Amino acid sequence: GNPERLVFFKGGILDGESRSWYADGAVQSTQHFREGKPVGEHLEYYAEAGQLAKKSQYDEQGRLHGEQLVYFPNGDVQAHILYRNGQLEGRFFQVLPEGHQEICIYEKNFKNGPYTLYYPPNGQGVREKALEGCFCDDQRDGLFIEYNAAGMKLSDTPYVMGLKEGIARFYSEQGTLLTSVSFHRDLRYGPTIR
């Protein structure tokens, strides 16, 4: 039969290339270790047709560093993630299980900067925004706007360091203002206008 896994050790610790195979002999993964820590490029494959499933980079200390790519079985990118010294750093993209696409910026493992969530692409391949806003230290900060799949604004809600603060507005599917609600420190405060 075919080998399932080939692993090298040095002094009882993983050291060198590690490979694994599916029962049919197709490569399942290729990894590299130094003194028990993952280093360099790590590749994982789907069983079908040897399609790349995941590509990761590790630094000499065994921390994720550089680009990590995750693929769907058809080869489309499911996630594009950047790491620096084991922490999320830079532009982040992922396709969520229901098909929504999330794009944001990370600094030292925290969301910082613009955030956009898109609906799954329509029949013409066009993607509409579902949500947009900004993060500061992993907290919603500023105006978050929610849209329907046709691109009409459904709501806009102001945040200050993760808490609703100010007047949130809610709109009909046609864009007509339905309700305004005042918030202070994430609690309703003052009048609600319909």
Protein backbone atom coordinates (compact mmCIF):
# COMPACT_ATOMS: atom_id res chain seq x y z
CA GLY A 1 0.00 0.00 0.00
CA ASN A 2 0.85 3.68 -0.16
CA PRO A 3 2.42 5.43 2.83
CA GLU A 4 0.06 7.69 4.83
CA ARG A 5 2.68 9.99 6.31
CA LEU A 6 6.42 10.58 6.25
CA VAL A 7 7.79 12.56 9.19
CA PHE A 8 11.38 13.32 10.22
CA PHE A 9 12.53 13.66 13.80
CA LYS A 10 15.75 14.82 15.41
CA GLY A 11 16.24 13.97 19.07
CA GLY A 12 12.57 12.99 19.33
CA ILE A 13 11.39 16.36 17.98
CA LEU A 14 9.86 17.09 14.58
CA ASP A 15 12.62 18.39 12.32
CA GLY A 16 12.55 18.51 8.53
CA GLU A 17 9.93 17.91 5.91
CA SER A 18 6.66 16.19 6.76
CA ARG A 19 4.41 14.78 4.03
CA SER A 20 1.07 13.03 4.14
CA TRP A 21 -0.96 11.28 1.46
CA TYR A 22 -4.56 10.27 0.88
CA ALA A 23 -5.36 6.55 0.52
CA ASP A 24 -5.20 6.86 -3.29
CA GLY A 25 -1.64 8.22 -3.10
CA ALA A 26 -2.50 11.89 -3.76
CA VAL A 27 -0.56 14.38 -1.61
CA GLN A 28 -2.58 15.61 1.40
CA SER A 29 -0.01 17.99 2.93
CA THR A 30 3.59 19.16 2.81
CA GLN A 31 4.98 20.83 5.92
CA HIS A 32 8.38 21.85 7.30
CA PHE A 33 9.54 21.83 10.92
CA ARG A 34 12.65 22.96 12.74
CA GLU A 35 13.14 21.91 16.35
CA GLY A 36 9.44 21.08 16.65
CA LYS A 37 8.20 24.41 15.25
CA PRO A 38 6.49 24.88 11.90
CA VAL A 39 8.68 26.90 9.50
CA GLY A 40 8.49 28.00 5.87
CA GLU A 41 5.72 27.09 3.49
CA HIS A 42 2.96 24.65 4.51
CA LEU A 43 0.60 23.28 1.88
CA GLU A 44 -2.64 21.33 2.29
CA TYR A 45 -4.57 19.74 -0.59
CA TYR A 46 -8.10 18.53 -1.26
CA ALA A 47 -8.43 14.82 -2.01
CA GLU A 48 -9.99 15.51 -5.40
CA ALA A 49 -7.53 16.19 -8.22
CA GLY A 50 -4.78 17.53 -5.92
CA GLN A 51 -6.38 20.99 -5.69
CA LEU A 52 -4.59 23.28 -3.23
CA ALA A 53 -6.76 23.86 -0.12
CA LYS A 54 -4.49 26.03 2.04
CA LYS A 55 -1.10 27.72 1.80
CA SER A 56 0.53 29.15 4.92
CA GLN A 57 3.89 30.73 5.73
CA TYR A 58 5.70 30.44 9.08
CA ASP A 59 8.72 32.34 10.39
CA GLU A 60 11.73 30.79 12.17
CA GLN A 61 9.95 31.04 15.56
CA GLY A 62 7.00 28.95 14.31
CA ARG A 63 4.61 31.91 14.01
CA LEU A 64 2.37 32.55 11.03
CA HIS A 65 4.13 35.20 8.97
CA GLY A 66 3.25 36.47 5.52
CA GLU A 67 0.42 35.44 3.28
CA GLN A 68 -2.08 32.71 4.09
CA LEU A 69 -4.45 31.62 1.35
CA VAL A 70 -7.44 29.29 1.73
CA TYR A 71 -9.17 27.94 -1.36
CA PHE A 72 -12.54 26.42 -2.19
CA PRO A 73 -12.41 23.02 -3.94
CA ASN A 74 -13.01 24.78 -7.29
CA GLY A 75 -9.82 26.86 -6.81
CA ASP A 76 -11.50 30.18 -5.94
CA VAL A 77 -10.00 32.06 -3.00
CA GLN A 78 -12.00 31.61 0.22
CA ALA A 79 -9.65 33.66 2.43
CA HIS A 80 -6.61 35.88 1.94
CA ILE A 81 -4.98 36.71 5.26
CA LEU A 82 -1.75 38.50 6.12
CA TYR A 83 0.29 37.82 9.25
CA ARG A 84 3.31 39.51 10.78
CA ASN A 85 5.12 37.70 13.59
CA GLY A 86 2.05 35.58 14.39
CA GLN A 87 -0.46 38.44 14.39
CA LEU A 88 -3.05 39.45 11.83
CA GLU A 89 -1.64 42.48 10.01
CA GLY A 90 -2.94 44.18 6.87
CA ARG A 91 -5.79 43.57 4.46
CA PHE A 92 -8.06 40.65 5.36
CA PHE A 93 -10.52 38.99 2.97
CA GLN A 94 -12.77 36.01 3.51
CA VAL A 95 -15.89 34.46 2.06
CA LEU A 96 -18.25 33.53 4.89
CA PRO A 97 -20.23 30.24 4.84
CA GLU A 98 -23.40 31.92 3.51
CA GLY A 99 -21.40 33.51 0.66
CA HIS A 100 -20.98 37.04 2.04
CA GLN A 101 -17.54 38.57 1.44
CA GLU A 102 -15.81 40.37 4.31
CA ILE A 103 -12.97 42.86 3.79
CA CYS A 104 -11.21 44.72 6.58
CA ILE A 105 -7.82 45.85 7.86
CA TYR A 106 -5.99 44.36 10.83
CA GLU A 107 -3.25 45.91 12.93
CA LYS A 108 -1.64 43.67 15.59
CA ASN A 109 -4.62 41.25 15.65
CA PHE A 110 -7.24 44.03 15.91
CA LYS A 111 -9.60 45.30 13.23
CA ASN A 112 -8.57 48.90 12.56
CA GLY A 113 -9.87 50.95 9.68
CA PRO A 114 -12.50 50.46 6.99
CA TYR A 115 -14.77 47.42 7.14
CA THR A 116 -17.04 46.21 4.32
CA LEU A 117 -19.33 43.21 4.08
CA TYR A 118 -20.73 42.32 0.65
CA TYR A 119 -23.69 40.17 -0.35
CA PRO A 120 -22.80 37.11 -2.45
CA PRO A 121 -22.29 38.12 -6.11
CA ASN A 122 -25.52 38.22 -8.11
CA GLY A 123 -26.15 36.42 -11.42
CA GLN A 124 -24.08 39.05 -13.29
CA GLY A 125 -21.16 38.68 -10.86
CA VAL A 126 -21.85 42.05 -9.22
CA ARG A 127 -21.55 42.25 -5.45
CA GLU A 128 -23.53 44.81 -3.46
CA LYS A 129 -22.51 46.16 -0.06
CA ALA A 130 -24.41 44.70 2.89
CA LEU A 131 -22.61 46.68 5.61
CA GLU A 132 -19.87 49.29 5.83
CA GLY A 133 -18.19 51.15 8.64
CA CYS A 134 -14.93 51.54 10.54
CA PHE A 135 -13.22 49.77 13.40
CA CYS A 136 -10.84 51.12 16.01
CA ASP A 137 -9.04 48.58 18.22
CA ASP A 138 -11.54 45.84 17.21
CA GLN A 139 -14.54 48.02 18.15
CA ARG A 140 -17.09 49.58 15.82
CA ASP A 141 -16.27 53.28 15.67
CA GLY A 142 -18.11 55.78 13.49
CA LEU A 143 -21.14 55.36 11.28
CA PHE A 144 -22.16 51.82 10.26
CA ILE A 145 -24.49 51.64 7.27
CA GLU A 146 -26.53 48.57 6.38
CA TYR A 147 -27.89 48.00 2.85
CA ASN A 148 -30.34 45.58 1.25
CA ALA A 149 -29.29 43.37 -1.68
CA ALA A 150 -30.50 46.03 -4.15
CA GLY A 151 -28.11 48.60 -2.64
CA MET A 152 -30.73 50.66 -0.75
CA LYS A 153 -29.78 51.91 2.71
CA LEU A 154 -31.66 50.08 5.50
CA SER A 155 -30.04 51.73 8.52
CA ASP A 156 -27.22 53.96 9.71
CA THR A 157 -26.02 53.67 13.28
CA PRO A 158 -23.26 55.74 14.92
CA TYR A 159 -20.79 54.01 17.25
CA VAL A 160 -18.12 55.25 19.63
CA MET A 161 -15.66 52.54 20.73
CA GLY A 162 -18.16 49.72 20.18
CA LEU A 163 -21.18 51.41 21.76
CA LYS A 164 -24.14 52.94 19.92
CA GLU A 165 -23.92 56.69 20.44
CA GLY A 166 -26.17 59.21 18.71
CA ILE A 167 -29.15 58.88 16.39
CA ALA A 168 -29.68 55.59 14.54
CA ARG A 169 -31.96 55.75 11.53
CA PHE A 170 -33.94 52.92 9.95
CA TYR A 171 -35.28 53.02 6.39
CA SER A 172 -37.83 51.14 4.28
CA GLU A 173 -36.77 48.97 1.35
CA GLN A 174 -37.51 52.01 -0.85
CA GLY A 175 -35.27 54.32 1.20
CA THR A 176 -37.93 56.22 3.15
CA LEU A 177 -37.01 57.08 6.75
CA LEU A 178 -39.13 54.90 9.08
CA THR A 179 -37.69 55.45 12.56
CA SER A 180 -35.01 57.43 14.38
CA VAL A 181 -33.74 56.13 17.72
CA SER A 182 -31.37 58.02 20.05
CA PHE A 183 -28.63 56.07 21.84
CA HIS A 184 -26.24 56.99 24.63
CA ARG A 185 -23.61 54.42 25.69
CA ASP A 186 -25.47 51.66 23.80
CA LEU A 187 -28.81 52.30 25.53
CA ARG A 188 -31.91 53.97 24.08
CA TYR A 189 -31.94 57.54 25.27
CA GLY A 190 -34.50 60.22 24.49
CA PRO A 191 -37.31 60.07 21.97
CA THR A 192 -37.90 57.48 19.30
CA ILE A 193 -39.40 59.13 16.21
CA ARG A 194 -41.54 57.14 13.76
